[in-house]
Structure formats: C-alpha cells, structure tokens
Amino acid sequence: MEKVCIIGASGKLGQYMIEHALARGYEVVGVCRAQSVDKLARFADRITVVPGATNDPAVIQRAVAGCDGVLTVLVPWGVHGYSTGTAQAVLDHAEPHARLIFSCGWHITRDGKDRYGLGFRAFVWLFGLIARLVRAADIDDQVEACQRIFASDRRWTVVRGSGLEEGESEGLPVWSRHVGDPVLASNLTRRVDFALFMVEALRDDGLVQETPAIVGRRSPSAQGYAPDHGQQALAA
C-alpha cells in the first residue's frame, strides 16, 4: 500500500483517516465538495485535493487513478442517489487491484442475520422518514449503494459503525460479523478509532468481502465479551 484515495475527506471521519494514512507514510489523495476544500487547509502541503461531487464519475476517475486503496465515506445526502452514485463510481474506476473500504452504519445488513433491537429499528425508521420528508437524506440510498458493493467481485470491505463519539483513541475497535452479538451491545466507538479501523483494513486480506460491525475496544461490551467470543481486532 503506497497511495490511497479518501473520498469524503473533509468530514470528521475523513480527516481522521487522512491523519492515520499520513502517519503510515501513504501518499494521500482527498476528494471533497469544492465548498469544503478549506476544511483541509491544515493538510494542504501533504495531500492532493480533488474538488468535486463524490458521485461524479469523472471526479472519482481522476482521484483514484494509481491508488492502491480507496477509503469511501458513504453519505446518503439528498434524495438523488448520492451514496449509490459514489459507490458505483468507485467500483467502476478504482484500479483493478485496489482495496476498497466503505463506511456505513449498523443498519446495513448483507445476509439478513443481523438482530436489531426495537429502539434501534424505531430510530432508523423515524430518522429515515424525517430525512426524506425534508429531502435531506435517503437511508434507502445507502442500502442500495451497499447492495451494489456486495454484488461486486472487487476486493471490498464495508465497515459498519456504531454510535460515534469524540475523544482520544482507545485503540483498534473489535468487530463481529453480525449486529446482535453481545460484544457490540455498548454501541459506541470513538470516531478517531472508526477511522483507524478503516485505514488498517486496507492491509487485512482477512476482511476482503466482509461487513464487520465495530465497537470501541474499551467499551463495556467489548471488554466483557471479546475475550470469550474471540472477537477480532486488527493487528496494528
């Protein structure tokens, strides 16, 4: 891994991924909307910034050229298929050998074996309804984006994040293949560690075509269940 592209680089998660990638000596290309380029000013002399909509195939084609890995924040902005367009552009234009790491929430399921509590399901339903009514976001768009990723034969990983909080790193999160595993019950991860998991996944072939659901390493559920369940934390 020498050169990586971070799509959605100007957000909090994206900026943390930039920090982790630079710390590992990677050459970094960041993609963000033109109006958000200023958010990356502190990285200006260390990364290449490609401004533009992340669902624009021409923007993505330019950004991912020559990249060994692509880290993509799937954000379901608006009601016009933004996440789906972003995911498809990455699948279409990333280098054939590239590792593709995508981020989303726990609500995404690949095989239908995830078990969600009533409170979580109610929150997702209510948030999705309100977001669509005000035309701010479309949860179903993120679902469609992930279905396209799952159908691809690319070397992808979809990292499913729990609730997020700010704070200093607690180390690499632990993960499970399915929501509902007791190890995930705390439903909380430091955002900086979500980014850490994304970047470390680039080097872990054991996560190819996996959908790890993550939780903070020091959360009560991780500390209580991870040793017994043999849950994995990526090797640093």
C-alpha atoms as a PDB file:
ATOM      1  CA  MET A   1       0.000   0.000   0.000  1.00  0.00           C
ATOM      2  CA  GLU A   2       1.608   3.238  -1.182  1.00  0.00           C
ATOM      3  CA  LYS A   3      -1.105   5.585  -2.416  1.00  0.00           C
ATOM      4  CA  VAL A   4      -4.644   5.887  -1.083  1.00  0.00           C
ATOM      5  CA  CYS A   5      -7.655   7.969  -2.019  1.00  0.00           C
ATOM      6  CA  ILE A   6     -10.044   9.200   0.677  1.00  0.00           C
ATOM      7  CA  ILE A   7     -13.490  10.057  -0.655  1.00  0.00           C
ATOM      8  CA  GLY A   8     -15.382  12.347   1.681  1.00  0.00           C
ATOM      9  CA  ALA A   9     -12.115  13.685   3.043  1.00  0.00           C
ATOM     10  CA  SER A  10     -13.384  16.957   4.517  1.00  0.00           C
ATOM     11  CA  GLY A  11     -15.718  15.426   7.129  1.00  0.00           C
ATOM     12  CA  LYS A  12     -14.615  14.483  10.629  1.00  0.00           C
ATOM     13  CA  LEU A  13     -14.193  10.810   9.732  1.00  0.00           C
ATOM     14  CA  GLY A  14     -12.366  11.693   6.542  1.00  0.00           C
ATOM     15  CA  GLN A  15      -9.919  13.997   8.310  1.00  0.00           C
ATOM     16  CA  TYR A  16      -9.115  11.327  10.874  1.00  0.00           C
ATOM     17  CA  MET A  17      -8.461   8.881   8.036  1.00  0.00           C
ATOM     18  CA  ILE A  18      -6.085  11.383   6.460  1.00  0.00           C
ATOM     19  CA  GLU A  19      -4.150  11.625   9.720  1.00  0.00           C
ATOM     20  CA  HIS A  20      -3.880   7.835  10.064  1.00  0.00           C
ATOM     21  CA  ALA A  21      -2.892   7.382   6.414  1.00  0.00           C
ATOM     22  CA  LEU A  22      -0.193  10.050   6.569  1.00  0.00           C
ATOM     23  CA  ALA A  23       1.145   8.533   9.789  1.00  0.00           C
ATOM     24  CA  ARG A  24       1.678   5.296   7.852  1.00  0.00           C
ATOM     25  CA  GLY A  25       3.577   7.067   5.092  1.00  0.00           C
ATOM     26  CA  TYR A  26       0.907   6.777   2.425  1.00  0.00           C
ATOM     27  CA  GLU A  27       0.570   9.275  -0.381  1.00  0.00           C
ATOM     28  CA  VAL A  28      -2.953  10.661   0.046  1.00  0.00           C
ATOM     29  CA  VAL A  29      -5.484  11.997  -2.436  1.00  0.00           C
ATOM     30  CA  GLY A  30      -8.582  13.541  -0.860  1.00  0.00           C
ATOM     31  CA  VAL A  31     -11.932  14.129  -2.552  1.00  0.00           C
ATOM     32  CA  CYS A  32     -14.496  16.590  -1.223  1.00  0.00           C
ATOM     33  CA  ARG A  33     -17.017  19.130  -2.463  1.00  0.00           C
ATOM     34  CA  ALA A  34     -15.471  22.366  -3.694  1.00  0.00           C
ATOM     35  CA  GLN A  35     -17.098  24.368  -0.895  1.00  0.00           C
ATOM     36  CA  SER A  36     -15.411  22.133   1.698  1.00  0.00           C
ATOM     37  CA  VAL A  37     -11.818  22.331   0.453  1.00  0.00           C
ATOM     38  CA  ASP A  38     -10.930  24.918   3.114  1.00  0.00           C
ATOM     39  CA  LYS A  39     -11.567  22.305   5.809  1.00  0.00           C
ATOM     40  CA  LEU A  40      -8.454  20.508   4.567  1.00  0.00           C
ATOM     41  CA  ALA A  41      -6.185  23.559   4.777  1.00  0.00           C
ATOM     42  CA  ARG A  42      -4.036  22.031   7.541  1.00  0.00           C
ATOM     43  CA  PHE A  43      -3.122  19.180   5.169  1.00  0.00           C
ATOM     44  CA  ALA A  44      -2.534  21.435   2.163  1.00  0.00           C
ATOM     45  CA  ASP A  45       1.177  20.715   1.732  1.00  0.00           C
ATOM     46  CA  ARG A  46       0.865  16.984   2.436  1.00  0.00           C
ATOM     47  CA  ILE A  47      -2.045  15.728   0.325  1.00  0.00           C
ATOM     48  CA  THR A  48      -3.529  16.209  -3.123  1.00  0.00           C
ATOM     49  CA  VAL A  49      -7.100  17.516  -3.057  1.00  0.00           C
ATOM     50  CA  VAL A  50      -9.528  16.795  -5.891  1.00  0.00           C
ATOM     51  CA  PRO A  51     -12.585  19.056  -5.503  1.00  0.00           C
ATOM     52  CA  GLY A  52     -15.945  17.886  -6.779  1.00  0.00           C
ATOM     53  CA  ALA A  53     -19.051  15.868  -6.025  1.00  0.00           C
ATOM     54  CA  THR A  54     -18.164  12.361  -4.899  1.00  0.00           C
ATOM     55  CA  ASN A  55     -20.895  10.869  -7.089  1.00  0.00           C
ATOM     56  CA  ASP A  56     -19.364  12.411 -10.218  1.00  0.00           C
ATOM     57  CA  PRO A  57     -17.679   9.567 -12.154  1.00  0.00           C
ATOM     58  CA  ALA A  58     -15.192  11.953 -13.806  1.00  0.00           C
ATOM     59  CA  VAL A  59     -14.079  13.308 -10.421  1.00  0.00           C
ATOM     60  CA  ILE A  60     -13.670   9.827  -8.978  1.00  0.00           C
ATOM     61  CA  GLN A  61     -11.858   8.505 -12.051  1.00  0.00           C
ATOM     62  CA  ARG A  62      -9.305  11.283 -11.740  1.00  0.00           C
ATOM     63  CA  ALA A  63      -8.888  10.858  -7.991  1.00  0.00           C
ATOM     64  CA  VAL A  64      -8.460   7.078  -7.783  1.00  0.00           C
ATOM     65  CA  ALA A  65      -6.009   6.737 -10.681  1.00  0.00           C
ATOM     66  CA  GLY A  66      -2.918   4.908  -9.454  1.00  0.00           C
ATOM     67  CA  CYS A  67      -4.288   4.360  -5.935  1.00  0.00           C
ATOM     68  CA  ASP A  68      -3.692   1.054  -4.143  1.00  0.00           C
ATOM     69  CA  GLY A  69      -6.566   1.676  -1.747  1.00  0.00           C
ATOM     70  CA  VAL A  70      -9.764   3.730  -1.717  1.00  0.00           C
ATOM     71  CA  LEU A  71     -11.490   4.734   1.529  1.00  0.00           C
ATOM     72  CA  THR A  72     -15.054   5.919   0.940  1.00  0.00           C
ATOM     73  CA  VAL A  73     -17.459   7.574   3.357  1.00  0.00           C
ATOM     74  CA  LEU A  74     -20.919   6.627   2.095  1.00  0.00           C
ATOM     75  CA  VAL A  75     -23.132   9.605   2.951  1.00  0.00           C
ATOM     76  CA  PRO A  76     -26.769   9.493   1.742  1.00  0.00           C
ATOM     77  CA  TRP A  77     -27.057  13.241   1.085  1.00  0.00           C
ATOM     78  CA  GLY A  78     -30.295  14.359  -0.546  1.00  0.00           C
ATOM     79  CA  VAL A  79     -32.750  12.150  -2.376  1.00  0.00           C
ATOM     80  CA  HIS A  80     -30.986  11.700  -5.704  1.00  0.00           C
ATOM     81  CA  GLY A  81     -28.853   8.602  -5.133  1.00  0.00           C
ATOM     82  CA  TYR A  82     -25.704  10.306  -3.844  1.00  0.00           C
ATOM     83  CA  SER A  83     -24.370   7.234  -1.981  1.00  0.00           C
ATOM     84  CA  THR A  84     -25.245   4.893  -4.817  1.00  0.00           C
ATOM     85  CA  GLY A  85     -23.569   7.146  -7.366  1.00  0.00           C
ATOM     86  CA  THR A  86     -20.462   7.425  -5.204  1.00  0.00           C
ATOM     87  CA  ALA A  87     -20.183   3.675  -4.652  1.00  0.00           C
ATOM     88  CA  GLN A  88     -20.744   2.883  -8.323  1.00  0.00           C
ATOM     89  CA  ALA A  89     -18.131   5.410  -9.439  1.00  0.00           C
ATOM     90  CA  VAL A  90     -15.579   3.812  -7.109  1.00  0.00           C
ATOM     91  CA  LEU A  91     -16.452   0.294  -8.275  1.00  0.00           C
ATOM     92  CA  ASP A  92     -16.209   1.375 -11.915  1.00  0.00           C
ATOM     93  CA  HIS A  93     -12.995   3.382 -11.799  1.00  0.00           C
ATOM     94  CA  ALA A  94     -10.724   2.150  -8.996  1.00  0.00           C
ATOM     95  CA  GLU A  95      -7.626   0.263 -10.091  1.00  0.00           C
ATOM     96  CA  PRO A  96      -8.294  -3.478 -10.592  1.00  0.00           C
ATOM     97  CA  HIS A  97      -6.010  -4.465  -7.686  1.00  0.00           C
ATOM     98  CA  ALA A  98      -7.180  -1.762  -5.266  1.00  0.00           C
ATOM     99  CA  ARG A  99      -8.563  -2.448  -1.790  1.00  0.00           C
ATOM    100  CA  LEU A 100     -11.902  -0.684  -1.431  1.00  0.00           C
ATOM    101  CA  ILE A 101     -13.081   0.195   2.080  1.00  0.00           C
ATOM    102  CA  PHE A 102     -16.531   1.722   2.571  1.00  0.00           C
ATOM    103  CA  SER A 103     -18.147   3.124   5.725  1.00  0.00           C
ATOM    104  CA  CYS A 104     -21.805   2.941   6.719  1.00  0.00           C
ATOM    105  CA  GLY A 105     -23.974   2.325   9.779  1.00  0.00           C
ATOM    106  CA  TRP A 106     -25.167  -0.803  11.553  1.00  0.00           C
ATOM    107  CA  HIS A 107     -28.499  -0.666   9.700  1.00  0.00           C
ATOM    108  CA  ILE A 108     -26.881  -2.179   6.611  1.00  0.00           C
ATOM    109  CA  THR A 109     -27.170  -5.969   6.511  1.00  0.00           C
ATOM    110  CA  ARG A 110     -25.690  -8.317   3.958  1.00  0.00           C
ATOM    111  CA  ASP A 111     -27.232 -11.672   4.819  1.00  0.00           C
ATOM    112  CA  GLY A 112     -30.240 -10.746   6.961  1.00  0.00           C
ATOM    113  CA  LYS A 113     -28.762 -12.394  10.063  1.00  0.00           C
ATOM    114  CA  ASP A 114     -28.249  -9.163  11.989  1.00  0.00           C
ATOM    115  CA  ARG A 115     -30.548  -8.744  15.015  1.00  0.00           C
ATOM    116  CA  TYR A 116     -31.722  -5.241  15.823  1.00  0.00           C
ATOM    117  CA  GLY A 117     -33.462  -4.097  18.983  1.00  0.00           C
ATOM    118  CA  LEU A 118     -36.803  -2.317  18.837  1.00  0.00           C
ATOM    119  CA  GLY A 119     -35.260   1.010  19.854  1.00  0.00           C
ATOM    120  CA  PHE A 120     -32.671   0.859  17.082  1.00  0.00           C
ATOM    121  CA  ARG A 121     -35.238  -0.084  14.454  1.00  0.00           C
ATOM    122  CA  ALA A 122     -37.568   2.694  15.576  1.00  0.00           C
ATOM    123  CA  PHE A 123     -34.752   5.245  15.421  1.00  0.00           C
ATOM    124  CA  VAL A 124     -33.716   4.217  11.908  1.00  0.00           C
ATOM    125  CA  TRP A 125     -37.333   4.308  10.708  1.00  0.00           C
ATOM    126  CA  LEU A 126     -38.045   7.719  12.252  1.00  0.00           C
ATOM    127  CA  PHE A 127     -34.767   9.255  11.098  1.00  0.00           C
ATOM    128  CA  GLY A 128     -35.269   7.901   7.606  1.00  0.00           C
ATOM    129  CA  LEU A 129     -38.819   9.251   7.433  1.00  0.00           C
ATOM    130  CA  ILE A 130     -37.927  12.740   8.627  1.00  0.00           C
ATOM    131  CA  ALA A 131     -34.819  12.926   6.449  1.00  0.00           C
ATOM    132  CA  ARG A 132     -36.812  12.019   3.336  1.00  0.00           C
ATOM    133  CA  LEU A 133     -39.621  14.450   4.174  1.00  0.00           C
ATOM    134  CA  VAL A 134     -37.185  17.372   4.369  1.00  0.00           C
ATOM    135  CA  ARG A 135     -35.236  15.930   1.419  1.00  0.00           C
ATOM    136  CA  ALA A 136     -32.014  15.948   3.444  1.00  0.00           C
ATOM    137  CA  ALA A 137     -31.042  12.275   3.152  1.00  0.00           C
ATOM    138  CA  ASP A 138     -32.276   8.887   1.992  1.00  0.00           C
ATOM    139  CA  ILE A 139     -31.363   5.841   4.064  1.00  0.00           C
ATOM    140  CA  ASP A 140     -32.534   3.549   1.256  1.00  0.00           C
ATOM    141  CA  ASP A 141     -29.887   5.124  -0.968  1.00  0.00           C
ATOM    142  CA  GLN A 142     -27.159   3.843   1.343  1.00  0.00           C
ATOM    143  CA  VAL A 143     -28.804   0.413   1.322  1.00  0.00           C
ATOM    144  CA  GLU A 144     -28.775   0.367  -2.492  1.00  0.00           C
ATOM    145  CA  ALA A 145     -25.156   1.521  -2.551  1.00  0.00           C
ATOM    146  CA  CYS A 146     -24.142  -1.384  -0.333  1.00  0.00           C
ATOM    147  CA  GLN A 147     -26.130  -3.890  -2.375  1.00  0.00           C
ATOM    148  CA  ARG A 148     -24.086  -2.878  -5.400  1.00  0.00           C
ATOM    149  CA  ILE A 149     -20.880  -3.292  -3.425  1.00  0.00           C
ATOM    150  CA  PHE A 150     -21.959  -6.735  -2.176  1.00  0.00           C
ATOM    151  CA  ALA A 151     -22.693  -7.834  -5.750  1.00  0.00           C
ATOM    152  CA  SER A 152     -19.225  -6.804  -6.914  1.00  0.00           C
ATOM    153  CA  ASP A 153     -16.271  -9.166  -7.209  1.00  0.00           C
ATOM    154  CA  ARG A 154     -13.940  -6.356  -6.123  1.00  0.00           C
ATOM    155  CA  ARG A 155     -11.685  -6.547  -3.041  1.00  0.00           C
ATOM    156  CA  TRP A 156     -14.111  -4.581  -0.868  1.00  0.00           C
ATOM    157  CA  THR A 157     -14.877  -4.264   2.820  1.00  0.00           C
ATOM    158  CA  VAL A 158     -17.923  -2.489   4.249  1.00  0.00           C
ATOM    159  CA  VAL A 159     -17.224  -1.258   7.789  1.00  0.00           C
ATOM    160  CA  ARG A 160     -20.420  -0.765   9.784  1.00  0.00           C
ATOM    161  CA  GLY A 161     -20.065   1.769  12.564  1.00  0.00           C
ATOM    162  CA  SER A 162     -21.891   2.015  15.884  1.00  0.00           C
ATOM    163  CA  GLY A 163     -22.841   5.265  17.568  1.00  0.00           C
ATOM    164  CA  LEU A 164     -19.868   7.622  17.486  1.00  0.00           C
ATOM    165  CA  GLU A 165     -18.263   9.968  19.980  1.00  0.00           C
ATOM    166  CA  GLU A 166     -15.256  12.242  20.015  1.00  0.00           C
ATOM    167  CA  GLY A 167     -12.262  11.661  22.257  1.00  0.00           C
ATOM    168  CA  GLU A 168      -8.754  10.300  22.280  1.00  0.00           C
ATOM    169  CA  SER A 169      -8.092   6.977  20.637  1.00  0.00           C
ATOM    170  CA  GLU A 170      -8.822   3.814  22.606  1.00  0.00           C
ATOM    171  CA  GLY A 171      -7.110   1.618  20.018  1.00  0.00           C
ATOM    172  CA  LEU A 172      -8.494  -0.541  17.267  1.00  0.00           C
ATOM    173  CA  PRO A 173     -12.178  -1.440  17.687  1.00  0.00           C
ATOM    174  CA  VAL A 174     -13.306  -5.041  17.936  1.00  0.00           C
ATOM    175  CA  TRP A 175     -15.778  -6.409  15.432  1.00  0.00           C
ATOM    176  CA  SER A 176     -18.381  -9.026  14.732  1.00  0.00           C
ATOM    177  CA  ARG A 177     -19.999 -10.250  11.542  1.00  0.00           C
ATOM    178  CA  HIS A 178     -23.486  -9.593  12.873  1.00  0.00           C
ATOM    179  CA  VAL A 179     -25.233  -6.903  14.866  1.00  0.00           C
ATOM    180  CA  GLY A 180     -26.861  -8.555  17.861  1.00  0.00           C
ATOM    181  CA  ASP A 181     -23.624 -10.143  19.062  1.00  0.00           C
ATOM    182  CA  PRO A 182     -23.260  -9.228  22.773  1.00  0.00           C
ATOM    183  CA  VAL A 183     -19.781  -7.878  22.085  1.00  0.00           C
ATOM    184  CA  LEU A 184     -21.403  -4.962  20.234  1.00  0.00           C
ATOM    185  CA  ALA A 185     -24.017  -4.121  22.876  1.00  0.00           C
ATOM    186  CA  SER A 186     -22.364  -0.873  24.015  1.00  0.00           C
ATOM    187  CA  ASN A 187     -22.981   0.621  20.553  1.00  0.00           C
ATOM    188  CA  LEU A 188     -20.275   3.269  20.906  1.00  0.00           C
ATOM    189  CA  THR A 189     -16.963   3.889  19.152  1.00  0.00           C
ATOM    190  CA  ARG A 190     -14.582   6.824  19.111  1.00  0.00           C
ATOM    191  CA  ARG A 191     -14.708   8.443  15.678  1.00  0.00           C
ATOM    192  CA  VAL A 192     -10.921   8.510  15.524  1.00  0.00           C
ATOM    193  CA  ASP A 193     -10.938   4.724  16.024  1.00  0.00           C
ATOM    194  CA  PHE A 194     -13.575   4.162  13.351  1.00  0.00           C
ATOM    195  CA  ALA A 195     -11.138   5.917  11.009  1.00  0.00           C
ATOM    196  CA  LEU A 196      -8.287   3.785  12.359  1.00  0.00           C
ATOM    197  CA  PHE A 197     -10.203   0.588  11.567  1.00  0.00           C
ATOM    198  CA  MET A 198     -10.873   1.815   8.034  1.00  0.00           C
ATOM    199  CA  VAL A 199      -7.217   2.558   7.366  1.00  0.00           C
ATOM    200  CA  GLU A 200      -5.941  -0.675   8.943  1.00  0.00           C
ATOM    201  CA  ALA A 201      -8.468  -2.685   6.922  1.00  0.00           C
ATOM    202  CA  LEU A 202      -6.513  -1.726   3.811  1.00  0.00           C
ATOM    203  CA  ARG A 203      -3.803  -4.175   4.877  1.00  0.00           C
ATOM    204  CA  ASP A 204      -6.013  -7.018   6.130  1.00  0.00           C
ATOM    205  CA  ASP A 205      -6.927  -9.507   3.425  1.00  0.00           C
ATOM    206  CA  GLY A 206      -8.984 -11.387   6.004  1.00  0.00           C
ATOM    207  CA  LEU A 207     -11.560  -8.611   5.698  1.00  0.00           C
ATOM    208  CA  VAL A 208     -11.959  -8.865   1.931  1.00  0.00           C
ATOM    209  CA  GLN A 209     -15.699  -9.088   1.169  1.00  0.00           C
ATOM    210  CA  GLU A 210     -16.569  -8.865   4.872  1.00  0.00           C
ATOM    211  CA  THR A 211     -19.006  -6.478   6.590  1.00  0.00           C
ATOM    212  CA  PRO A 212     -17.516  -6.013  10.069  1.00  0.00           C
ATOM    213  CA  ALA A 213     -19.714  -4.248  12.623  1.00  0.00           C
ATOM    214  CA  ILE A 214     -17.435  -2.469  15.078  1.00  0.00           C
ATOM    215  CA  VAL A 215     -17.497  -1.206  18.664  1.00  0.00           C
ATOM    216  CA  GLY A 216     -14.944   0.607  20.789  1.00  0.00           C
ATOM    217  CA  ARG A 217     -12.197  -1.587  22.235  1.00  0.00           C
ATOM    218  CA  ARG A 218     -12.680  -0.177  25.739  1.00  0.00           C
ATOM    219  CA  SER A 219     -16.470  -0.176  25.722  1.00  0.00           C
ATOM    220  CA  PRO A 220     -18.058  -2.349  28.448  1.00  0.00           C
ATOM    221  CA  SER A 221     -19.405  -4.906  25.989  1.00  0.00           C
ATOM    222  CA  ALA A 222     -16.067  -5.270  24.195  1.00  0.00           C
ATOM    223  CA  GLN A 223     -14.202  -5.725  27.460  1.00  0.00           C
ATOM    224  CA  GLY A 224     -16.786  -8.163  28.749  1.00  0.00           C
ATOM    225  CA  TYR A 225     -17.297 -10.357  25.711  1.00  0.00           C
ATOM    226  CA  ALA A 226     -14.404 -10.014  23.289  1.00  0.00           C
ATOM    227  CA  PRO A 227     -12.047 -12.478  25.063  1.00  0.00           C
ATOM    228  CA  ASP A 228     -14.770 -15.115  25.355  1.00  0.00           C
ATOM    229  CA  HIS A 229     -16.066 -14.739  21.827  1.00  0.00           C
ATOM    230  CA  GLY A 230     -12.668 -14.459  20.210  1.00  0.00           C
ATOM    231  CA  GLN A 231     -13.735 -11.237  18.514  1.00  0.00           C
ATOM    232  CA  GLN A 232     -11.089  -9.781  16.314  1.00  0.00           C
ATOM    233  CA  ALA A 233      -9.208  -6.539  16.468  1.00  0.00           C
ATOM    234  CA  LEU A 234      -6.976  -5.833  13.522  1.00  0.00           C
ATOM    235  CA  ALA A 235      -3.268  -6.180  14.120  1.00  0.00           C
ATOM    236  CA  ALA A 236      -1.711  -2.747  14.430  1.00  0.00           C
END
